[in-house]
Amino acid sequence: MVARISGNMDCMTGPGLWEQINEVLAGGTAFVVLDLSDVSFCDSAGLNVLVRASRRAGLSDVALALACVPQPVLRILEMTGADQVLQVCDTVAEAEAAFGDRGDAAGSLA
């Protein structure tokens, strides 16, 4: 499953984004790639959603990766050490290759 996230990941969008990601993780797929290529802003609330998603995925035995992370967001992940907790891939294809070909569903989260 590839879920594309777009827009701001902040205190205003965080709760809705969390609900959508939580639904995706509960959907029974073996792996989820969060494509962040269209994310324009991420603050601590957005970072919290990503870390919570990683924990939730682990509890559900779902492999989770971030892909196409914009440089400002990547900088936040590196500064906070979240890049050590989250699997970060340069491209969606790289993330899919890391998990193998276990599905081809795609969705969009805003």
PDB file of N, CA and C in Angstrom:
ATOM      1  N   MET A   1       0.854  -1.172   0.000  1.00  0.00           N
ATOM      2  CA  MET A   1       0.000   0.000   0.000  1.00  0.00           C
ATOM      3  C   MET A   1       0.899   1.233   0.000  1.00  0.00           C
ATOM      4  N   VAL A   2       0.665   2.115  -0.921  1.00  0.00           N
ATOM      5  CA  VAL A   2       1.358   3.402  -0.959  1.00  0.00           C
ATOM      6  C   VAL A   2       0.320   4.468  -0.641  1.00  0.00           C
ATOM      7  N   ALA A   3       0.549   5.226   0.417  1.00  0.00           N
ATOM      8  CA  ALA A   3      -0.344   6.316   0.806  1.00  0.00           C
ATOM      9  C   ALA A   3       0.397   7.631   0.592  1.00  0.00           C
ATOM     10  N   ARG A   4      -0.178   8.500  -0.213  1.00  0.00           N
ATOM     11  CA  ARG A   4       0.444   9.794  -0.505  1.00  0.00           C
ATOM     12  C   ARG A   4      -0.116  10.845   0.437  1.00  0.00           C
ATOM     13  N   ILE A   5       0.778  11.511   1.121  1.00  0.00           N
ATOM     14  CA  ILE A   5       0.389  12.565   2.055  1.00  0.00           C
ATOM     15  C   ILE A   5       0.745  13.892   1.411  1.00  0.00           C
ATOM     16  N   SER A   6      -0.186  14.848   1.496  1.00  0.00           N
ATOM     17  CA  SER A   6       0.082  16.149   0.885  1.00  0.00           C
ATOM     18  C   SER A   6      -0.309  17.262   1.840  1.00  0.00           C
ATOM     19  N   GLY A   7       0.285  18.422   1.613  1.00  0.00           N
ATOM     20  CA  GLY A   7      -0.036  19.599   2.422  1.00  0.00           C
ATOM     21  C   GLY A   7       0.776  19.662   3.692  1.00  0.00           C
ATOM     22  N   ASN A   8       0.201  20.318   4.690  1.00  0.00           N
ATOM     23  CA  ASN A   8       0.871  20.509   5.970  1.00  0.00           C
ATOM     24  C   ASN A   8       0.619  19.333   6.905  1.00  0.00           C
ATOM     25  N   MET A   9       1.645  18.976   7.640  1.00  0.00           N
ATOM     26  CA  MET A   9       1.526  18.007   8.728  1.00  0.00           C
ATOM     27  C   MET A   9       1.794  18.799  10.000  1.00  0.00           C
ATOM     28  N   ASP A  10       0.721  19.284  10.617  1.00  0.00           N
ATOM     29  CA  ASP A  10       0.869  20.162  11.767  1.00  0.00           C
ATOM     30  C   ASP A  10      -0.253  19.914  12.767  1.00  0.00           C
ATOM     31  N   CYS A  11      -0.365  20.799  13.759  1.00  0.00           N
ATOM     32  CA  CYS A  11      -1.359  20.601  14.816  1.00  0.00           C
ATOM     33  C   CYS A  11      -2.789  20.672  14.285  1.00  0.00           C
ATOM     34  N   MET A  12      -3.002  21.342  13.181  1.00  0.00           N
ATOM     35  CA  MET A  12      -4.340  21.434  12.601  1.00  0.00           C
ATOM     36  C   MET A  12      -4.721  20.168  11.829  1.00  0.00           C
ATOM     37  N   THR A  13      -3.770  19.569  11.145  1.00  0.00           N
ATOM     38  CA  THR A  13      -4.067  18.404  10.307  1.00  0.00           C
ATOM     39  C   THR A  13      -3.697  17.079  10.970  1.00  0.00           C
ATOM     40  N   GLY A  14      -2.907  17.142  12.025  1.00  0.00           N
ATOM     41  CA  GLY A  14      -2.404  15.927  12.670  1.00  0.00           C
ATOM     42  C   GLY A  14      -3.471  14.927  13.080  1.00  0.00           C
ATOM     43  N   PRO A  15      -4.527  15.363  13.800  1.00  0.00           N
ATOM     44  CA  PRO A  15      -5.536  14.385  14.231  1.00  0.00           C
ATOM     45  C   PRO A  15      -6.215  13.664  13.059  1.00  0.00           C
ATOM     46  N   GLY A  16      -6.592  14.389  12.029  1.00  0.00           N
ATOM     47  CA  GLY A  16      -7.226  13.757  10.868  1.00  0.00           C
ATOM     48  C   GLY A  16      -6.267  12.843  10.126  1.00  0.00           C
ATOM     49  N   LEU A  17      -5.021  13.288  10.007  1.00  0.00           N
ATOM     50  CA  LEU A  17      -4.009  12.475   9.339  1.00  0.00           C
ATOM     51  C   LEU A  17      -3.778  11.187  10.119  1.00  0.00           C
ATOM     52  N   TRP A  18      -3.716  11.292  11.445  1.00  0.00           N
ATOM     53  CA  TRP A  18      -3.523  10.103  12.275  1.00  0.00           C
ATOM     54  C   TRP A  18      -4.658   9.109  12.054  1.00  0.00           C
ATOM     55  N   GLU A  19      -5.893   9.598  12.023  1.00  0.00           N
ATOM     56  CA  GLU A  19      -7.041   8.713  11.798  1.00  0.00           C
ATOM     57  C   GLU A  19      -6.912   7.984  10.462  1.00  0.00           C
ATOM     58  N   GLN A  20      -6.514   8.710   9.418  1.00  0.00           N
ATOM     59  CA  GLN A  20      -6.380   8.090   8.095  1.00  0.00           C
ATOM     60  C   GLN A  20      -5.250   7.060   8.070  1.00  0.00           C
ATOM     61  N   ILE A  21      -4.121   7.411   8.662  1.00  0.00           N
ATOM     62  CA  ILE A  21      -2.992   6.462   8.688  1.00  0.00           C
ATOM     63  C   ILE A  21      -3.366   5.241   9.518  1.00  0.00           C
ATOM     64  N   ASN A  22      -4.034   5.451  10.633  1.00  0.00           N
ATOM     65  CA  ASN A  22      -4.447   4.348  11.495  1.00  0.00           C
ATOM     66  C   ASN A  22      -5.364   3.392  10.737  1.00  0.00           C
ATOM     67  N   GLU A  23      -6.284   3.927   9.932  1.00  0.00           N
ATOM     68  CA  GLU A  23      -7.161   3.091   9.110  1.00  0.00           C
ATOM     69  C   GLU A  23      -6.356   2.282   8.095  1.00  0.00           C
ATOM     70  N   VAL A  24      -5.379   2.923   7.473  1.00  0.00           N
ATOM     71  CA  VAL A  24      -4.535   2.222   6.498  1.00  0.00           C
ATOM     72  C   VAL A  24      -3.782   1.090   7.184  1.00  0.00           C
ATOM     73  N   LEU A  25      -3.226   1.356   8.366  1.00  0.00           N
ATOM     74  CA  LEU A  25      -2.461   0.340   9.080  1.00  0.00           C
ATOM     75  C   LEU A  25      -3.342  -0.807   9.562  1.00  0.00           C
ATOM     76  N   ALA A  26      -4.604  -0.541   9.801  1.00  0.00           N
ATOM     77  CA  ALA A  26      -5.534  -1.578  10.250  1.00  0.00           C
ATOM     78  C   ALA A  26      -6.128  -2.358   9.082  1.00  0.00           C
ATOM     79  N   GLY A  27      -5.783  -1.968   7.866  1.00  0.00           N
ATOM     80  CA  GLY A  27      -6.387  -2.560   6.679  1.00  0.00           C
ATOM     81  C   GLY A  27      -5.913  -3.942   6.308  1.00  0.00           C
ATOM     82  N   GLY A  28      -4.974  -4.495   7.026  1.00  0.00           N
ATOM     83  CA  GLY A  28      -4.533  -5.857   6.762  1.00  0.00           C
ATOM     84  C   GLY A  28      -3.434  -6.001   5.726  1.00  0.00           C
ATOM     85  N   THR A  29      -2.827  -4.904   5.309  1.00  0.00           N
ATOM     86  CA  THR A  29      -1.739  -4.992   4.347  1.00  0.00           C
ATOM     87  C   THR A  29      -0.434  -5.313   5.068  1.00  0.00           C
ATOM     88  N   ALA A  30       0.490  -5.936   4.368  1.00  0.00           N
ATOM     89  CA  ALA A  30       1.761  -6.342   4.967  1.00  0.00           C
ATOM     90  C   ALA A  30       2.744  -5.185   5.107  1.00  0.00           C
ATOM     91  N   PHE A  31       2.633  -4.204   4.207  1.00  0.00           N
ATOM     92  CA  PHE A  31       3.524  -3.057   4.308  1.00  0.00           C
ATOM     93  C   PHE A  31       2.831  -1.799   3.805  1.00  0.00           C
ATOM     94  N   VAL A  32       3.288  -0.678   4.354  1.00  0.00           N
ATOM     95  CA  VAL A  32       2.746   0.624   3.981  1.00  0.00           C
ATOM     96  C   VAL A  32       3.907   1.564   3.713  1.00  0.00           C
ATOM     97  N   VAL A  33       3.837   2.237   2.585  1.00  0.00           N
ATOM     98  CA  VAL A  33       4.810   3.278   2.255  1.00  0.00           C
ATOM     99  C   VAL A  33       4.070   4.608   2.322  1.00  0.00           C
ATOM    100  N   LEU A  34       4.571   5.533   3.130  1.00  0.00           N
ATOM    101  CA  LEU A  34       4.019   6.878   3.196  1.00  0.00           C
ATOM    102  C   LEU A  34       4.854   7.757   2.272  1.00  0.00           C
ATOM    103  N   ASP A  35       4.266   8.146   1.156  1.00  0.00           N
ATOM    104  CA  ASP A  35       4.931   9.008   0.179  1.00  0.00           C
ATOM    105  C   ASP A  35       4.726  10.453   0.626  1.00  0.00           C
ATOM    106  N   LEU A  36       5.798  11.099   1.049  1.00  0.00           N
ATOM    107  CA  LEU A  36       5.721  12.463   1.588  1.00  0.00           C
ATOM    108  C   LEU A  36       6.127  13.520   0.567  1.00  0.00           C
ATOM    109  N   SER A  37       6.214  13.163  -0.690  1.00  0.00           N
ATOM    110  CA  SER A  37       6.722  14.091  -1.699  1.00  0.00           C
ATOM    111  C   SER A  37       5.931  15.389  -1.787  1.00  0.00           C
ATOM    112  N   ASP A  38       4.654  15.378  -1.441  1.00  0.00           N
ATOM    113  CA  ASP A  38       3.829  16.584  -1.530  1.00  0.00           C
ATOM    114  C   ASP A  38       3.587  17.252  -0.178  1.00  0.00           C
ATOM    115  N   VAL A  39       4.377  16.889   0.818  1.00  0.00           N
ATOM    116  CA  VAL A  39       4.255  17.545   2.129  1.00  0.00           C
ATOM    117  C   VAL A  39       4.991  18.875   2.060  1.00  0.00           C
ATOM    118  N   SER A  40       4.281  19.948   2.390  1.00  0.00           N
ATOM    119  CA  SER A  40       4.873  21.283   2.300  1.00  0.00           C
ATOM    120  C   SER A  40       5.408  21.784   3.634  1.00  0.00           C
ATOM    121  N   PHE A  41       4.947  21.193   4.747  1.00  0.00           N
ATOM    122  CA  PHE A  41       5.374  21.656   6.072  1.00  0.00           C
ATOM    123  C   PHE A  41       5.143  20.543   7.080  1.00  0.00           C
ATOM    124  N   CYS A  42       6.041  20.422   8.039  1.00  0.00           N
ATOM    125  CA  CYS A  42       5.896  19.432   9.110  1.00  0.00           C
ATOM    126  C   CYS A  42       6.426  20.038  10.397  1.00  0.00           C
ATOM    127  N   ASP A  43       5.584  20.044  11.442  1.00  0.00           N
ATOM    128  CA  ASP A  43       6.047  20.500  12.743  1.00  0.00           C
ATOM    129  C   ASP A  43       6.051  19.310  13.707  1.00  0.00           C
ATOM    130  N   SER A  44       6.165  19.585  14.999  1.00  0.00           N
ATOM    131  CA  SER A  44       6.262  18.504  15.980  1.00  0.00           C
ATOM    132  C   SER A  44       5.008  17.632  15.994  1.00  0.00           C
ATOM    133  N   ALA A  45       3.858  18.200  15.699  1.00  0.00           N
ATOM    134  CA  ALA A  45       2.628  17.403  15.654  1.00  0.00           C
ATOM    135  C   ALA A  45       2.681  16.414  14.483  1.00  0.00           C
ATOM    136  N   GLY A  46       3.188  16.865  13.347  1.00  0.00           N
ATOM    137  CA  GLY A  46       3.344  15.972  12.206  1.00  0.00           C
ATOM    138  C   GLY A  46       4.357  14.878  12.488  1.00  0.00           C
ATOM    139  N   LEU A  47       5.444  15.252  13.127  1.00  0.00           N
ATOM    140  CA  LEU A  47       6.461  14.276  13.512  1.00  0.00           C
ATOM    141  C   LEU A  47       5.867  13.247  14.469  1.00  0.00           C
ATOM    142  N   ASN A  48       5.045  13.716  15.399  1.00  0.00           N
ATOM    143  CA  ASN A  48       4.379  12.822  16.340  1.00  0.00           C
ATOM    144  C   ASN A  48       3.518  11.800  15.602  1.00  0.00           C
ATOM    145  N   VAL A  49       2.801  12.235  14.575  1.00  0.00           N
ATOM    146  CA  VAL A  49       1.971  11.314  13.789  1.00  0.00           C
ATOM    147  C   VAL A  49       2.840  10.236  13.158  1.00  0.00           C
ATOM    148  N   LEU A  50       3.987  10.609  12.606  1.00  0.00           N
ATOM    149  CA  LEU A  50       4.868   9.628  11.959  1.00  0.00           C
ATOM    150  C   LEU A  50       5.419   8.623  12.965  1.00  0.00           C
ATOM    151  N   VAL A  51       5.819   9.094  14.135  1.00  0.00           N
ATOM    152  CA  VAL A  51       6.360   8.191  15.160  1.00  0.00           C
ATOM    153  C   VAL A  51       5.252   7.279  15.687  1.00  0.00           C
ATOM    154  N   ARG A  52       4.065   7.836  15.917  1.00  0.00           N
ATOM    155  CA  ARG A  52       2.931   7.008  16.349  1.00  0.00           C
ATOM    156  C   ARG A  52       2.601   5.958  15.299  1.00  0.00           C
ATOM    157  N   ALA A  53       2.657   6.341  14.028  1.00  0.00           N
ATOM    158  CA  ALA A  53       2.384   5.401  12.949  1.00  0.00           C
ATOM    159  C   ALA A  53       3.393   4.254  12.967  1.00  0.00           C
ATOM    160  N   SER A  54       4.648   4.586  13.211  1.00  0.00           N
ATOM    161  CA  SER A  54       5.684   3.558  13.273  1.00  0.00           C
ATOM    162  C   SER A  54       5.410   2.586  14.418  1.00  0.00           C
ATOM    163  N   ARG A  55       5.049   3.120  15.565  1.00  0.00           N
ATOM    164  CA  ARG A  55       4.742   2.252  16.715  1.00  0.00           C
ATOM    165  C   ARG A  55       3.517   1.392  16.441  1.00  0.00           C
ATOM    166  N   ARG A  56       2.489   1.998  15.889  1.00  0.00           N
ATOM    167  CA  ARG A  56       1.248   1.274  15.562  1.00  0.00           C
ATOM    168  C   ARG A  56       1.522   0.179  14.546  1.00  0.00           C
ATOM    169  N   ALA A  57       2.338   0.485  13.549  1.00  0.00           N
ATOM    170  CA  ALA A  57       2.694  -0.514  12.543  1.00  0.00           C
ATOM    171  C   ALA A  57       3.407  -1.692  13.193  1.00  0.00           C
ATOM    172  N   GLY A  58       4.335  -1.393  14.085  1.00  0.00           N
ATOM    173  CA  GLY A  58       5.056  -2.455  14.773  1.00  0.00           C
ATOM    174  C   GLY A  58       4.139  -3.364  15.570  1.00  0.00           C
ATOM    175  N   LEU A  59       3.158  -2.775  16.242  1.00  0.00           N
ATOM    176  CA  LEU A  59       2.198  -3.556  17.024  1.00  0.00           C
ATOM    177  C   LEU A  59       1.295  -4.406  16.129  1.00  0.00           C
ATOM    178  N   SER A  60       1.094  -3.957  14.907  1.00  0.00           N
ATOM    179  CA  SER A  60       0.216  -4.659  13.964  1.00  0.00           C
ATOM    180  C   SER A  60       0.983  -5.558  13.013  1.00  0.00           C
ATOM    181  N   ASP A  61       2.294  -5.664  13.208  1.00  0.00           N
ATOM    182  CA  ASP A  61       3.151  -6.457  12.328  1.00  0.00           C
ATOM    183  C   ASP A  61       3.062  -5.986  10.875  1.00  0.00           C
ATOM    184  N   VAL A  62       3.036  -4.671  10.712  1.00  0.00           N
ATOM    185  CA  VAL A  62       3.022  -4.048   9.391  1.00  0.00           C
ATOM    186  C   VAL A  62       4.350  -3.340   9.200  1.00  0.00           C
ATOM    187  N   ALA A  63       5.008  -3.573   8.091  1.00  0.00           N
ATOM    188  CA  ALA A  63       6.243  -2.858   7.774  1.00  0.00           C
ATOM    189  C   ALA A  63       5.862  -1.470   7.268  1.00  0.00           C
ATOM    190  N   LEU A  64       6.523  -0.435   7.788  1.00  0.00           N
ATOM    191  CA  LEU A  64       6.208   0.943   7.424  1.00  0.00           C
ATOM    192  C   LEU A  64       7.477   1.653   6.991  1.00  0.00           C
ATOM    193  N   ALA A  65       7.384   2.402   5.898  1.00  0.00           N
ATOM    194  CA  ALA A  65       8.519   3.196   5.434  1.00  0.00           C
ATOM    195  C   ALA A  65       8.018   4.545   4.943  1.00  0.00           C
ATOM    196  N   LEU A  66       8.884   5.534   5.052  1.00  0.00           N
ATOM    197  CA  LEU A  66       8.634   6.852   4.478  1.00  0.00           C
ATOM    198  C   LEU A  66       9.420   6.932   3.182  1.00  0.00           C
ATOM    199  N   ALA A  67       8.842   7.594   2.186  1.00  0.00           N
ATOM    200  CA  ALA A  67       9.532   7.744   0.908  1.00  0.00           C
ATOM    201  C   ALA A  67       9.372   9.164   0.400  1.00  0.00           C
ATOM    202  N   CYS A  68      10.331   9.588  -0.404  1.00  0.00           N
ATOM    203  CA  CYS A  68      10.289  10.909  -1.053  1.00  0.00           C
ATOM    204  C   CYS A  68      10.143  12.021  -0.023  1.00  0.00           C
ATOM    205  N   VAL A  69      10.910  11.939   1.028  1.00  0.00           N
ATOM    206  CA  VAL A  69      10.807  12.906   2.114  1.00  0.00           C
ATOM    207  C   VAL A  69      11.469  14.214   1.689  1.00  0.00           C
ATOM    208  N   PRO A  70      10.710  15.327   1.688  1.00  0.00           N
ATOM    209  CA  PRO A  70      11.299  16.618   1.321  1.00  0.00           C
ATOM    210  C   PRO A  70      12.445  16.986   2.267  1.00  0.00           C
ATOM    211  N   GLN A  71      13.428  17.685   1.756  1.00  0.00           N
ATOM    212  CA  GLN A  71      14.624  18.011   2.533  1.00  0.00           C
ATOM    213  C   GLN A  71      14.312  18.679   3.873  1.00  0.00           C
ATOM    214  N   PRO A  72      13.409  19.665   3.958  1.00  0.00           N
ATOM    215  CA  PRO A  72      13.126  20.263   5.278  1.00  0.00           C
ATOM    216  C   PRO A  72      12.564  19.249   6.276  1.00  0.00           C
ATOM    217  N   VAL A  73      11.740  18.336   5.812  1.00  0.00           N
ATOM    218  CA  VAL A  73      11.185  17.310   6.696  1.00  0.00           C
ATOM    219  C   VAL A  73      12.277  16.315   7.087  1.00  0.00           C
ATOM    220  N   LEU A  74      13.113  15.958   6.137  1.00  0.00           N
ATOM    221  CA  LEU A  74      14.229  15.057   6.435  1.00  0.00           C
ATOM    222  C   LEU A  74      15.145  15.667   7.485  1.00  0.00           C
ATOM    223  N   ARG A  75      15.379  16.965   7.391  1.00  0.00           N
ATOM    224  CA  ARG A  75      16.202  17.653   8.378  1.00  0.00           C
ATOM    225  C   ARG A  75      15.602  17.528   9.778  1.00  0.00           C
ATOM    226  N   ILE A  76      14.285  17.659   9.881  1.00  0.00           N
ATOM    227  CA  ILE A  76      13.609  17.508  11.175  1.00  0.00           C
ATOM    228  C   ILE A  76      13.781  16.090  11.700  1.00  0.00           C
ATOM    229  N   LEU A  77      13.613  15.107  10.815  1.00  0.00           N
ATOM    230  CA  LEU A  77      13.788  13.710  11.228  1.00  0.00           C
ATOM    231  C   LEU A  77      15.203  13.465  11.741  1.00  0.00           C
ATOM    232  N   GLU A  78      16.194  14.023  11.056  1.00  0.00           N
ATOM    233  CA  GLU A  78      17.587  13.838  11.456  1.00  0.00           C
ATOM    234  C   GLU A  78      17.895  14.565  12.767  1.00  0.00           C
ATOM    235  N   MET A  79      17.401  15.791  12.904  1.00  0.00           N
ATOM    236  CA  MET A  79      17.679  16.580  14.113  1.00  0.00           C
ATOM    237  C   MET A  79      17.074  15.950  15.369  1.00  0.00           C
ATOM    238  N   THR A  80      15.936  15.307  15.218  1.00  0.00           N
ATOM    239  CA  THR A  80      15.263  14.703  16.365  1.00  0.00           C
ATOM    240  C   THR A  80      15.651  13.251  16.592  1.00  0.00           C
ATOM    241  N   GLY A  81      16.372  12.666  15.655  1.00  0.00           N
ATOM    242  CA  GLY A  81      16.738  11.260  15.750  1.00  0.00           C
ATOM    243  C   GLY A  81      15.636  10.326  15.268  1.00  0.00           C
ATOM    244  N   ALA A  82      14.537  10.886  14.765  1.00  0.00           N
ATOM    245  CA  ALA A  82      13.437  10.062  14.278  1.00  0.00           C
ATOM    246  C   ALA A  82      13.841   9.234  13.066  1.00  0.00           C
ATOM    247  N   ASP A  83      14.864   9.690  12.338  1.00  0.00           N
ATOM    248  CA  ASP A  83      15.342   8.911  11.187  1.00  0.00           C
ATOM    249  C   ASP A  83      15.968   7.592  11.623  1.00  0.00           C
ATOM    250  N   GLN A  84      16.292   7.473  12.912  1.00  0.00           N
ATOM    251  CA  GLN A  84      16.833   6.227  13.438  1.00  0.00           C
ATOM    252  C   GLN A  84      15.718   5.249  13.805  1.00  0.00           C
ATOM    253  N   VAL A  85      14.505   5.762  13.955  1.00  0.00           N
ATOM    254  CA  VAL A  85      13.346   4.956  14.328  1.00  0.00           C
ATOM    255  C   VAL A  85      12.510   4.608  13.107  1.00  0.00           C
ATOM    256  N   LEU A  86      12.395   5.553  12.196  1.00  0.00           N
ATOM    257  CA  LEU A  86      11.583   5.394  10.993  1.00  0.00           C
ATOM    258  C   LEU A  86      12.450   4.928   9.831  1.00  0.00           C
ATOM    259  N   GLN A  87      11.918   4.049   9.014  1.00  0.00           N
ATOM    260  CA  GLN A  87      12.637   3.651   7.805  1.00  0.00           C
ATOM    261  C   GLN A  87      12.382   4.708   6.748  1.00  0.00           C
ATOM    262  N   VAL A  88      13.449   5.336   6.270  1.00  0.00           N
ATOM    263  CA  VAL A  88      13.354   6.406   5.289  1.00  0.00           C
ATOM    264  C   VAL A  88      14.014   5.946   3.996  1.00  0.00           C
ATOM    265  N   CYS A  89      13.264   6.020   2.899  1.00  0.00           N
ATOM    266  CA  CYS A  89      13.763   5.626   1.583  1.00  0.00           C
ATOM    267  C   CYS A  89      13.708   6.828   0.650  1.00  0.00           C
ATOM    268  N   ASP A  90      14.625   6.864  -0.298  1.00  0.00           N
ATOM    269  CA  ASP A  90      14.663   7.974  -1.247  1.00  0.00           C
ATOM    270  C   ASP A  90      13.437   7.996  -2.156  1.00  0.00           C
ATOM    271  N   THR A  91      12.984   6.827  -2.578  1.00  0.00           N
ATOM    272  CA  THR A  91      11.872   6.754  -3.526  1.00  0.00           C
ATOM    273  C   THR A  91      10.867   5.695  -3.076  1.00  0.00           C
ATOM    274  N   VAL A  92       9.675   5.772  -3.638  1.00  0.00           N
ATOM    275  CA  VAL A  92       8.656   4.755  -3.378  1.00  0.00           C
ATOM    276  C   VAL A  92       9.153   3.409  -3.896  1.00  0.00           C
ATOM    277  N   ALA A  93       9.767   3.411  -5.061  1.00  0.00           N
ATOM    278  CA  ALA A  93      10.278   2.158  -5.634  1.00  0.00           C
ATOM    279  C   ALA A  93      11.307   1.510  -4.716  1.00  0.00           C
ATOM    280  N   GLU A  94      12.171   2.320  -4.107  1.00  0.00           N
ATOM    281  CA  GLU A  94      13.167   1.781  -3.168  1.00  0.00           C
ATOM    282  C   GLU A  94      12.479   1.155  -1.961  1.00  0.00           C
ATOM    283  N   ALA A  95      11.455   1.819  -1.443  1.00  0.00           N
ATOM    284  CA  ALA A  95      10.715   1.279  -0.303  1.00  0.00           C
ATOM    285  C   ALA A  95      10.008  -0.014  -0.669  1.00  0.00           C
ATOM    286  N   GLU A  96       9.376  -0.029  -1.836  1.00  0.00           N
ATOM    287  CA  GLU A  96       8.693  -1.242  -2.288  1.00  0.00           C
ATOM    288  C   GLU A  96       9.679  -2.385  -2.468  1.00  0.00           C
ATOM    289  N   ALA A  97      10.844  -2.098  -3.001  1.00  0.00           N
ATOM    290  CA  ALA A  97      11.857  -3.137  -3.191  1.00  0.00           C
ATOM    291  C   ALA A  97      12.339  -3.681  -1.847  1.00  0.00           C
ATOM    292  N   ALA A  98      12.404  -2.813  -0.848  1.00  0.00           N
ATOM    293  CA  ALA A  98      12.847  -3.248   0.481  1.00  0.00           C
ATOM    294  C   ALA A  98      11.856  -4.236   1.093  1.00  0.00           C
ATOM    295  N   PHE A  99      10.576  -4.081   0.767  1.00  0.00           N
ATOM    296  CA  PHE A  99       9.546  -4.953   1.329  1.00  0.00           C
ATOM    297  C   PHE A  99       9.199  -6.118   0.432  1.00  0.00           C
ATOM    298  N   GLY A 100       9.574  -6.046  -0.816  1.00  0.00           N
ATOM    299  CA  GLY A 100       9.178  -7.076  -1.770  1.00  0.00           C
ATOM    300  C   GLY A 100       7.844  -6.717  -2.382  1.00  0.00           C
ATOM    301  N   ASP A 101       7.400  -7.484  -3.314  1.00  0.00           N
ATOM    302  CA  ASP A 101       6.162  -7.196  -4.037  1.00  0.00           C
ATOM    303  C   ASP A 101       4.994  -7.913  -3.360  1.00  0.00           C
ATOM    304  N   ARG A 102       4.470  -7.293  -2.285  1.00  0.00           N
ATOM    305  CA  ARG A 102       3.364  -7.903  -1.545  1.00  0.00           C
ATOM    306  C   ARG A 102       2.048  -7.183  -1.750  1.00  0.00           C
ATOM    307  N   GLY A 103       1.978  -6.289  -2.702  1.00  0.00           N
ATOM    308  CA  GLY A 103       0.721  -5.585  -2.936  1.00  0.00           C
ATOM    309  C   GLY A 103       0.960  -4.401  -3.836  1.00  0.00           C
ATOM    310  N   ASP A 104      -0.128  -3.881  -4.423  1.00  0.00           N
ATOM    311  CA  ASP A 104       0.031  -2.751  -5.342  1.00  0.00           C
ATOM    312  C   ASP A 104      -1.033  -1.691  -5.133  1.00  0.00           C
ATOM    313  N   ALA A 105      -1.663  -1.681  -3.981  1.00  0.00           N
ATOM    314  CA  ALA A 105      -2.698  -0.678  -3.725  1.00  0.00           C
ATOM    315  C   ALA A 105      -2.054   0.679  -3.497  1.00  0.00           C
ATOM    316  N   ALA A 106      -2.761   1.705  -3.872  1.00  0.00           N
ATOM    317  CA  ALA A 106      -2.289   3.067  -3.639  1.00  0.00           C
ATOM    318  C   ALA A 106      -3.450   3.908  -3.168  1.00  0.00           C
ATOM    319  N   GLY A 107      -3.150   4.876  -2.346  1.00  0.00           N
ATOM    320  CA  GLY A 107      -4.185   5.771  -1.842  1.00  0.00           C
ATOM    321  C   GLY A 107      -3.611   7.133  -1.617  1.00  0.00           C
ATOM    322  N   SER A 108      -4.455   8.048  -1.207  1.00  0.00           N
ATOM    323  CA  SER A 108      -4.025   9.419  -0.999  1.00  0.00           C
ATOM    324  C   SER A 108      -4.554   9.919   0.326  1.00  0.00           C
ATOM    325  N   LEU A 109      -3.691  10.505   1.121  1.00  0.00           N
ATOM    326  CA  LEU A 109      -4.075  11.082   2.400  1.00  0.00           C
ATOM    327  C   LEU A 109      -3.740  12.562   2.365  1.00  0.00           C
ATOM    328  N   ALA A 110      -4.641  13.390   2.777  1.00  0.00           N
ATOM    329  CA  ALA A 110      -4.385  14.840   2.775  1.00  0.00           C
ATOM    330  C   ALA A 110      -4.631  15.419   4.143  1.00  0.00           C
TER     331      ALA A 110
END
